Amino acid sequence: MAKATRKTTTTKTKRAAQKPAPAEAKAPRPPSKQARLVEMLRRPEGTTIEEIVKALEWQAHTARGAISGALKKKLGLAIESQKIDGRGRVYRIVG
């Protein structure tokens, strides 16, 4: 009994030949919302949840979640909150 042989072809050389030339340099990526949030929290006057909601077009619970989850827990940033008369609760990065 003869074994059936299967002929395999490699397509690496074909694929490599078909790749288009690299495009010219792309425009830099705009800052992420998380980076913009960090900028707002680094300001000396800090920021409120309302200001974050307006600037980043987020819901209030998303802003609070980003502060506690992404910034405090994942990035390890120290964030303080302080209640200021006439402005409400203000958040800022300390240190």
N, C-alpha and C. Protein backbone atom coordinates (compact mmCIF):
# COMPACT_ATOMS: atom_id res chain seq x y z
N MET A 1 0.82 -1.17 0.00
CA MET A 1 0.00 0.00 0.00
C MET A 1 0.88 1.25 0.00
N ALA A 2 0.65 2.10 -0.91
CA ALA A 2 1.45 3.31 -1.01
C ALA A 2 0.76 4.42 -0.21
N LYS A 3 1.57 5.17 0.52
CA LYS A 3 1.03 6.29 1.28
C LYS A 3 0.80 7.48 0.35
N ALA A 4 -0.28 8.16 0.60
CA ALA A 4 -0.55 9.35 -0.19
C ALA A 4 0.31 10.49 0.33
N THR A 5 1.00 11.14 -0.54
CA THR A 5 1.83 12.27 -0.13
C THR A 5 1.10 13.56 -0.45
N ARG A 6 1.21 14.46 0.48
CA ARG A 6 0.55 15.74 0.30
C ARG A 6 1.61 16.78 0.02
N LYS A 7 1.40 17.52 -0.99
CA LYS A 7 2.36 18.54 -1.39
C LYS A 7 1.98 19.84 -0.69
N THR A 8 2.91 20.40 0.03
CA THR A 8 2.64 21.67 0.71
C THR A 8 3.41 22.77 0.03
N THR A 9 2.80 23.91 -0.01
CA THR A 9 3.49 25.06 -0.59
C THR A 9 3.59 26.13 0.47
N THR A 10 4.66 26.80 0.46
CA THR A 10 4.81 27.90 1.41
C THR A 10 4.42 29.18 0.72
N THR A 11 3.66 29.96 1.43
CA THR A 11 3.18 31.22 0.85
C THR A 11 3.90 32.41 1.44
N LYS A 12 4.88 32.17 2.29
CA LYS A 12 5.58 33.30 2.91
C LYS A 12 6.22 34.19 1.85
N THR A 13 6.87 33.59 0.90
CA THR A 13 7.52 34.40 -0.13
C THR A 13 6.51 35.14 -0.97
N LYS A 14 5.37 34.53 -1.23
CA LYS A 14 4.34 35.20 -2.01
C LYS A 14 3.76 36.38 -1.23
N ARG A 15 3.49 36.16 0.06
CA ARG A 15 2.92 37.23 0.88
C ARG A 15 3.90 38.37 1.04
N ALA A 16 5.15 38.05 1.26
CA ALA A 16 6.15 39.09 1.45
C ALA A 16 6.28 39.94 0.20
N ALA A 17 6.15 39.33 -0.95
CA ALA A 17 6.28 40.07 -2.20
C ALA A 17 5.07 40.96 -2.45
N GLN A 18 3.92 40.64 -1.86
CA GLN A 18 2.70 41.39 -2.12
C GLN A 18 2.50 42.56 -1.17
N LYS A 19 3.33 42.68 -0.13
CA LYS A 19 3.14 43.77 0.83
C LYS A 19 3.42 45.11 0.16
N PRO A 20 2.56 46.08 0.40
CA PRO A 20 2.80 47.39 -0.18
C PRO A 20 3.96 48.09 0.55
N ALA A 21 4.53 49.04 -0.10
CA ALA A 21 5.61 49.81 0.52
C ALA A 21 5.05 50.56 1.72
N PRO A 22 5.86 50.76 2.76
CA PRO A 22 5.35 51.46 3.95
C PRO A 22 4.93 52.88 3.61
N ALA A 23 3.85 53.30 4.21
CA ALA A 23 3.32 54.64 3.96
C ALA A 23 4.23 55.67 4.62
N GLU A 24 4.05 56.88 4.23
CA GLU A 24 4.85 57.95 4.83
C GLU A 24 4.43 58.10 6.28
N ALA A 25 5.20 58.85 7.04
CA ALA A 25 4.95 59.02 8.47
C ALA A 25 3.52 59.49 8.72
N LYS A 26 2.87 58.83 9.67
CA LYS A 26 1.50 59.19 10.01
C LYS A 26 1.50 60.37 10.97
N ALA A 27 0.40 61.06 11.02
CA ALA A 27 0.25 62.17 11.95
C ALA A 27 0.23 61.62 13.37
N PRO A 28 0.76 62.36 14.34
CA PRO A 28 0.74 61.86 15.71
C PRO A 28 -0.67 61.66 16.22
N ARG A 29 -0.83 60.65 17.05
CA ARG A 29 -2.13 60.32 17.61
C ARG A 29 -2.55 61.39 18.61
N PRO A 30 -3.81 61.80 18.59
CA PRO A 30 -4.25 62.80 19.57
C PRO A 30 -4.20 62.21 20.98
N PRO A 31 -4.06 63.06 21.98
CA PRO A 31 -4.01 62.55 23.36
C PRO A 31 -5.27 61.75 23.71
N SER A 32 -5.08 60.68 24.46
CA SER A 32 -6.22 59.86 24.86
C SER A 32 -7.03 60.58 25.93
N LYS A 33 -8.23 60.09 26.15
CA LYS A 33 -9.08 60.70 27.17
C LYS A 33 -8.46 60.50 28.55
N GLN A 34 -7.81 59.37 28.76
CA GLN A 34 -7.16 59.14 30.05
C GLN A 34 -6.04 60.15 30.26
N ALA A 35 -5.27 60.44 29.22
CA ALA A 35 -4.19 61.42 29.33
C ALA A 35 -4.76 62.82 29.61
N ARG A 36 -5.88 63.14 28.95
CA ARG A 36 -6.51 64.43 29.21
C ARG A 36 -7.04 64.51 30.63
N LEU A 37 -7.56 63.41 31.16
CA LEU A 37 -8.04 63.37 32.54
C LEU A 37 -6.88 63.61 33.50
N VAL A 38 -5.75 62.98 33.26
CA VAL A 38 -4.58 63.17 34.13
C VAL A 38 -4.13 64.63 34.09
N GLU A 39 -4.14 65.25 32.90
CA GLU A 39 -3.79 66.67 32.79
C GLU A 39 -4.72 67.53 33.64
N MET A 40 -6.01 67.25 33.59
CA MET A 40 -6.98 68.02 34.35
C MET A 40 -6.75 67.86 35.85
N LEU A 41 -6.40 66.64 36.27
CA LEU A 41 -6.18 66.38 37.70
C LEU A 41 -4.86 66.96 38.19
N ARG A 42 -3.90 67.19 37.31
CA ARG A 42 -2.61 67.76 37.69
C ARG A 42 -2.64 69.28 37.85
N ARG A 43 -3.69 69.92 37.38
CA ARG A 43 -3.79 71.38 37.53
C ARG A 43 -3.82 71.72 39.01
N PRO A 44 -3.22 72.85 39.39
CA PRO A 44 -3.23 73.23 40.83
C PRO A 44 -4.62 73.35 41.41
N GLU A 45 -5.58 73.82 40.61
CA GLU A 45 -6.95 73.97 41.12
C GLU A 45 -7.74 72.68 41.05
N GLY A 46 -7.18 71.64 40.43
CA GLY A 46 -7.86 70.35 40.33
C GLY A 46 -9.03 70.42 39.37
N THR A 47 -9.94 69.47 39.49
CA THR A 47 -11.11 69.42 38.61
C THR A 47 -12.27 68.76 39.33
N THR A 48 -13.47 69.05 38.87
CA THR A 48 -14.67 68.43 39.44
C THR A 48 -15.19 67.38 38.47
N ILE A 49 -16.07 66.54 38.96
CA ILE A 49 -16.68 65.52 38.11
C ILE A 49 -17.45 66.20 36.97
N GLU A 50 -18.12 67.29 37.27
CA GLU A 50 -18.89 68.00 36.24
C GLU A 50 -17.98 68.51 35.12
N GLU A 51 -16.79 69.01 35.48
CA GLU A 51 -15.85 69.49 34.47
C GLU A 51 -15.32 68.33 33.61
N ILE A 52 -15.08 67.19 34.24
CA ILE A 52 -14.61 66.01 33.52
C ILE A 52 -15.69 65.53 32.54
N VAL A 53 -16.93 65.48 33.01
CA VAL A 53 -18.06 65.04 32.18
C VAL A 53 -18.18 65.93 30.95
N LYS A 54 -18.06 67.22 31.15
CA LYS A 54 -18.20 68.16 30.04
C LYS A 54 -17.02 68.06 29.07
N ALA A 55 -15.80 67.99 29.59
CA ALA A 55 -14.61 67.99 28.74
C ALA A 55 -14.43 66.69 27.97
N LEU A 56 -14.72 65.55 28.61
CA LEU A 56 -14.46 64.26 27.99
C LEU A 56 -15.71 63.59 27.42
N GLU A 57 -16.86 64.23 27.61
CA GLU A 57 -18.13 63.68 27.14
C GLU A 57 -18.38 62.29 27.71
N TRP A 58 -18.17 62.16 29.01
CA TRP A 58 -18.40 60.92 29.73
C TRP A 58 -19.61 61.08 30.63
N GLN A 59 -20.14 59.95 31.11
CA GLN A 59 -21.13 59.96 32.18
C GLN A 59 -20.38 60.15 33.50
N ALA A 60 -21.08 60.63 34.53
CA ALA A 60 -20.43 60.88 35.81
C ALA A 60 -19.86 59.60 36.42
N HIS A 61 -20.58 58.48 36.29
CA HIS A 61 -20.09 57.24 36.87
C HIS A 61 -18.84 56.74 36.13
N THR A 62 -18.70 57.07 34.86
CA THR A 62 -17.50 56.69 34.11
C THR A 62 -16.30 57.49 34.60
N ALA A 63 -16.51 58.77 34.86
CA ALA A 63 -15.43 59.62 35.37
C ALA A 63 -14.95 59.13 36.74
N ARG A 64 -15.89 58.83 37.62
CA ARG A 64 -15.51 58.33 38.95
C ARG A 64 -14.81 56.98 38.85
N GLY A 65 -15.29 56.12 37.96
CA GLY A 65 -14.68 54.82 37.76
C GLY A 65 -13.27 54.92 37.21
N ALA A 66 -13.05 55.85 36.29
CA ALA A 66 -11.71 56.05 35.73
C ALA A 66 -10.74 56.54 36.80
N ILE A 67 -11.22 57.41 37.66
CA ILE A 67 -10.36 57.93 38.74
C ILE A 67 -9.98 56.81 39.69
N SER A 68 -10.96 56.05 40.14
CA SER A 68 -10.67 55.01 41.14
C SER A 68 -10.02 53.78 40.52
N GLY A 69 -10.42 53.38 39.33
CA GLY A 69 -9.90 52.16 38.73
C GLY A 69 -8.61 52.35 37.96
N ALA A 70 -8.67 53.13 36.90
CA ALA A 70 -7.51 53.27 36.02
C ALA A 70 -6.39 54.08 36.66
N LEU A 71 -6.75 55.18 37.31
CA LEU A 71 -5.70 56.05 37.83
C LEU A 71 -5.16 55.60 39.19
N LYS A 72 -6.06 55.33 40.12
CA LYS A 72 -5.61 54.93 41.46
C LYS A 72 -5.06 53.50 41.48
N LYS A 73 -5.84 52.55 41.00
CA LYS A 73 -5.46 51.15 41.12
C LYS A 73 -4.43 50.72 40.10
N LYS A 74 -4.64 51.02 38.82
CA LYS A 74 -3.74 50.54 37.78
C LYS A 74 -2.47 51.38 37.66
N LEU A 75 -2.60 52.72 37.68
CA LEU A 75 -1.43 53.57 37.53
C LEU A 75 -0.79 53.93 38.87
N GLY A 76 -1.49 53.70 39.96
CA GLY A 76 -0.94 53.96 41.30
C GLY A 76 -0.81 55.43 41.64
N LEU A 77 -1.61 56.29 41.04
CA LEU A 77 -1.55 57.72 41.34
C LEU A 77 -2.30 58.02 42.63
N ALA A 78 -1.76 58.94 43.41
CA ALA A 78 -2.41 59.36 44.65
C ALA A 78 -3.34 60.53 44.31
N ILE A 79 -4.63 60.33 44.52
CA ILE A 79 -5.62 61.35 44.19
C ILE A 79 -6.36 61.74 45.45
N GLU A 80 -6.43 63.03 45.69
CA GLU A 80 -7.17 63.52 46.85
C GLU A 80 -8.44 64.19 46.39
N SER A 81 -9.44 64.17 47.24
CA SER A 81 -10.66 64.91 46.95
C SER A 81 -10.94 65.83 48.13
N GLN A 82 -11.45 66.99 47.80
CA GLN A 82 -11.69 68.00 48.81
C GLN A 82 -12.97 68.72 48.45
N LYS A 83 -13.81 68.97 49.45
CA LYS A 83 -15.05 69.68 49.19
C LYS A 83 -14.80 71.17 49.38
N ILE A 84 -15.05 71.93 48.33
CA ILE A 84 -14.82 73.37 48.35
C ILE A 84 -16.16 74.07 48.18
N ASP A 85 -16.41 75.05 49.07
CA ASP A 85 -17.67 75.80 49.00
C ASP A 85 -17.78 76.53 47.67
N GLY A 86 -18.93 76.43 47.05
CA GLY A 86 -19.19 77.10 45.80
C GLY A 86 -18.72 76.33 44.57
N ARG A 87 -17.90 75.32 44.76
CA ARG A 87 -17.41 74.54 43.62
C ARG A 87 -17.80 73.08 43.71
N GLY A 88 -17.94 72.57 44.91
CA GLY A 88 -18.27 71.16 45.09
C GLY A 88 -17.03 70.33 45.36
N ARG A 89 -17.09 69.05 45.10
CA ARG A 89 -15.96 68.15 45.34
C ARG A 89 -14.94 68.31 44.22
N VAL A 90 -13.69 68.57 44.62
CA VAL A 90 -12.59 68.80 43.68
C VAL A 90 -11.58 67.67 43.84
N TYR A 91 -11.14 67.12 42.73
CA TYR A 91 -10.16 66.04 42.72
C TYR A 91 -8.86 66.55 42.13
N ARG A 92 -7.74 66.09 42.70
CA ARG A 92 -6.42 66.44 42.15
C ARG A 92 -5.41 65.38 42.51
N ILE A 93 -4.37 65.30 41.67
CA ILE A 93 -3.28 64.37 41.92
C ILE A 93 -2.31 65.04 42.87
N VAL A 94 -1.93 64.31 43.91
CA VAL A 94 -0.96 64.85 44.88
C VAL A 94 0.38 64.15 44.66
N GLY A 95 1.43 64.91 44.91
CA GLY A 95 2.77 64.32 44.82
C GLY A 95 3.44 64.43 43.53
